[in-house]
Amino acid sequence: MTEWKQKLQHIHHYNRTANLYNLRYTEEQNLKIKAAVENLELEKQRSILDMGCGTGLLLPRIRKMAENVVGLDISKGMLGEVKSSIKRSANVHFVLADADNTPFRNNYFDMAFAITLLQNMPNPHHTLQEAKRITKPNASIIVTALKKRFTEHSFLKLLEEADLEPKLLKTGPKLKCHIATCKRRN
């Protein structure tokens, strides 16, 4: 199956199930988000990207951290859910696009999140390369990976092969994913 056919399957799946996503996954997603955000050294950023923002569960936690926050997702259904559930904010914007081919210029974002994204991508290495391309050299890239899809070793190897310097966070048994904060290698 081609990469695009895999992506189309995900688009159709998330468009069909977008209205149920928060009912199923809010608790689990909030645990991931809390673990990722509380381990960051947060100072006001100019711009933050949430790659694969889904229904926007991360956005309320980060919108005060930046002048501009962008939620990007390939599913129109998921973006429809986030727009109806999140309070309007002048600094939060939404983009319907593929995380592997974003419409952003090089070195634009100060920080990027990829929460629950990699396991849905046909080529996670390519996704990480795109995250690197659109973030500034000193940017943090926060990434999660489901434990049932990636072992700790394979997750770290993927991040290192993408020329990132990962710091793996201890997640404990409650979380079904690995979490890493990464910097681009210079």
Protein backbone atom coordinates (compact mmCIF):
# COMPACT_ATOMS: atom_id res chain seq x y z
CA MET A 1 0.00 0.00 0.00
CA THR A 2 1.36 3.43 -0.91
CA GLU A 3 1.99 6.07 1.73
CA TRP A 4 -0.80 8.24 0.36
CA LYS A 5 -3.31 5.36 0.52
CA GLN A 6 -2.37 4.83 4.17
CA LYS A 7 -2.92 8.52 4.84
CA LEU A 8 -6.28 8.44 3.07
CA GLN A 9 -7.35 5.58 5.34
CA HIS A 10 -6.42 7.67 8.38
CA ILE A 11 -8.23 10.72 6.99
CA HIS A 12 -11.41 8.70 6.42
CA HIS A 13 -11.16 7.04 9.83
CA TYR A 14 -10.65 10.30 11.73
CA ASN A 15 -13.30 12.14 9.70
CA ARG A 16 -15.82 9.39 10.61
CA THR A 17 -14.87 9.17 14.29
CA ALA A 18 -13.94 12.78 15.11
CA ASN A 19 -17.11 13.37 17.12
CA LEU A 20 -16.27 10.37 19.35
CA TYR A 21 -12.53 11.00 19.76
CA ASN A 22 -12.72 13.06 22.95
CA LEU A 23 -15.12 10.58 24.57
CA ARG A 24 -12.65 7.77 23.94
CA TYR A 25 -9.26 9.39 24.44
CA THR A 26 -9.44 12.64 26.47
CA GLU A 27 -8.15 11.10 29.70
CA GLU A 28 -5.26 9.30 28.00
CA GLN A 29 -4.34 12.32 25.85
CA ASN A 30 -4.44 14.66 28.85
CA LEU A 31 -2.02 12.39 30.74
CA LYS A 32 0.42 12.57 27.80
CA ILE A 33 0.03 16.31 27.44
CA LYS A 34 0.49 16.94 31.17
CA ALA A 35 3.65 14.80 31.25
CA ALA A 36 5.07 16.53 28.17
CA VAL A 37 4.25 20.11 29.16
CA GLU A 38 5.28 19.93 32.81
CA ASN A 39 8.76 18.75 31.80
CA LEU A 40 9.41 21.74 29.55
CA GLU A 41 11.26 24.89 30.43
CA LEU A 42 8.50 27.20 29.35
CA GLU A 43 9.07 30.77 28.45
CA LYS A 44 6.98 32.86 26.10
CA GLN A 45 7.55 31.68 22.52
CA ARG A 46 6.84 33.52 19.31
CA SER A 47 5.26 30.52 17.58
CA ILE A 48 4.29 26.96 18.49
CA LEU A 49 3.00 24.23 16.17
CA ASP A 50 0.84 21.28 17.18
CA MET A 51 1.40 18.77 14.35
CA GLY A 52 -1.56 16.41 14.18
CA CYS A 53 -3.56 18.51 16.63
CA GLY A 54 -6.64 16.29 16.36
CA THR A 55 -9.45 17.73 18.47
CA GLY A 56 -7.11 20.31 19.99
CA LEU A 57 -6.65 18.93 23.50
CA LEU A 58 -3.14 20.42 23.71
CA LEU A 59 -4.09 23.90 22.50
CA PRO A 60 -5.66 25.30 25.73
CA ARG A 61 -2.45 24.39 27.60
CA ILE A 62 -0.10 26.11 25.16
CA ARG A 63 -2.02 29.08 23.76
CA LYS A 64 -0.82 31.41 26.53
CA MET A 65 2.78 30.32 25.96
CA ALA A 66 3.10 31.91 22.53
CA GLU A 67 2.21 34.87 20.39
CA ASN A 68 0.93 32.44 17.73
CA VAL A 69 -0.18 28.84 18.06
CA VAL A 70 -0.99 26.73 15.02
CA GLY A 71 -2.96 23.49 15.13
CA LEU A 72 -2.34 21.40 12.01
CA ASP A 73 -4.25 18.26 11.09
CA ILE A 74 -4.99 16.29 7.93
CA SER A 75 -8.57 15.47 9.03
CA LYS A 76 -11.24 18.06 8.34
CA GLY A 77 -13.48 16.26 10.84
CA MET A 78 -10.94 16.59 13.65
CA LEU A 79 -10.39 20.29 12.92
CA GLY A 80 -14.17 20.77 12.94
CA GLU A 81 -14.28 19.30 16.44
CA VAL A 82 -11.49 21.52 17.73
CA LYS A 83 -13.08 24.65 16.29
CA SER A 84 -16.37 23.86 18.01
CA SER A 85 -14.82 22.94 21.37
CA ILE A 86 -12.05 25.48 21.95
CA LYS A 87 -12.70 29.08 22.94
CA ARG A 88 -11.92 31.52 20.18
CA SER A 89 -8.52 33.09 20.63
CA ALA A 90 -6.83 35.63 18.39
CA ASN A 91 -3.50 33.81 18.61
CA VAL A 92 -4.74 30.28 17.74
CA HIS A 93 -4.93 29.30 14.07
CA PHE A 94 -5.83 26.07 12.28
CA VAL A 95 -4.40 24.57 9.12
CA LEU A 96 -5.75 21.60 7.19
CA ALA A 97 -2.58 19.94 5.89
CA ASP A 98 -0.40 16.83 5.87
CA ALA A 99 2.24 16.78 8.64
CA ASP A 100 4.74 15.44 6.09
CA ASN A 101 4.21 18.36 3.71
CA THR A 102 3.39 21.45 5.75
CA PRO A 103 2.83 24.86 4.14
CA PHE A 104 5.31 26.59 6.46
CA ARG A 105 8.65 28.15 5.65
CA ASN A 106 11.95 26.80 6.98
CA ASN A 107 12.99 27.65 10.54
CA TYR A 108 9.68 29.28 11.46
CA PHE A 109 8.46 27.69 14.72
CA ASP A 110 10.10 28.06 18.13
CA MET A 111 8.56 24.80 19.34
CA ALA A 112 6.63 21.89 17.83
CA PHE A 113 4.55 19.12 19.36
CA ALA A 114 3.81 15.77 17.72
CA ILE A 115 1.51 14.10 20.24
CA THR A 116 0.03 10.77 19.05
CA LEU A 117 1.17 11.45 15.49
CA LEU A 118 4.08 9.17 14.56
CA GLN A 119 2.16 5.89 14.80
CA ASN A 120 -0.29 7.22 12.19
CA MET A 121 2.39 8.20 9.71
CA PRO A 122 3.58 5.79 7.01
CA ASN A 123 7.14 7.13 7.28
CA PRO A 124 7.77 8.59 10.76
CA HIS A 125 11.34 9.50 9.78
CA HIS A 126 10.00 11.78 7.04
CA THR A 127 7.58 13.37 9.53
CA LEU A 128 10.45 14.14 11.90
CA GLN A 129 12.46 15.63 9.03
CA GLU A 130 9.54 17.95 8.27
CA ALA A 131 9.33 18.94 11.96
CA LYS A 132 13.03 19.79 11.86
CA ARG A 133 12.67 21.77 8.64
CA ILE A 134 9.98 24.08 9.98
CA THR A 135 11.46 24.62 13.45
CA LYS A 136 14.31 26.92 14.36
CA PRO A 137 17.70 25.33 15.10
CA ASN A 138 17.31 25.84 18.87
CA ALA A 139 13.65 24.76 18.94
CA SER A 140 12.24 22.01 21.12
CA ILE A 141 10.33 19.23 19.38
CA ILE A 142 8.15 17.21 21.73
CA VAL A 143 7.21 13.78 20.40
CA THR A 144 5.20 10.82 21.67
CA ALA A 145 5.06 7.27 20.34
CA LEU A 146 2.70 4.48 21.34
CA LYS A 147 4.46 1.69 23.22
CA LYS A 148 2.54 -0.95 21.28
CA ARG A 149 4.03 0.38 18.03
CA PHE A 150 7.51 1.49 19.22
CA THR A 151 9.77 -0.02 21.80
CA GLU A 152 11.80 2.45 23.82
CA HIS A 153 14.87 1.42 21.84
CA SER A 154 13.20 1.77 18.41
CA PHE A 155 11.72 5.16 19.38
CA LEU A 156 15.09 6.52 20.49
CA LYS A 157 16.76 5.08 17.39
CA LEU A 158 14.17 6.77 15.15
CA LEU A 159 14.74 10.13 16.85
CA GLU A 160 18.53 9.81 16.68
CA GLU A 161 18.44 8.75 13.01
CA ALA A 162 16.42 11.91 12.37
CA ASP A 163 19.39 13.88 13.77
CA LEU A 164 17.59 14.83 16.95
CA GLU A 165 18.99 14.81 20.47
CA PRO A 166 16.20 13.14 22.46
CA LYS A 167 15.63 13.26 26.18
CA LEU A 168 13.25 10.45 27.07
CA LEU A 169 10.85 11.25 29.89
CA LYS A 170 9.89 8.62 32.44
CA THR A 171 6.23 7.89 31.77
CA GLY A 172 5.32 5.07 34.13
CA PRO A 173 2.83 2.29 33.49
CA LYS A 174 -0.28 4.54 33.23
CA LEU A 175 0.86 6.09 29.98
CA LYS A 176 0.64 4.01 26.83
CA CYS A 177 3.35 6.01 25.11
CA HIS A 178 6.94 7.14 25.23
CA ILE A 179 7.55 10.89 25.43
CA ALA A 180 10.71 12.67 24.32
CA THR A 181 11.77 16.27 24.19
CA CYS A 182 14.23 16.76 21.37
CA LYS A 183 16.65 19.34 20.04
CA ARG A 184 18.07 19.46 16.54
CA ARG A 185 21.71 18.39 16.31
CA ASN A 186 24.01 21.16 15.16
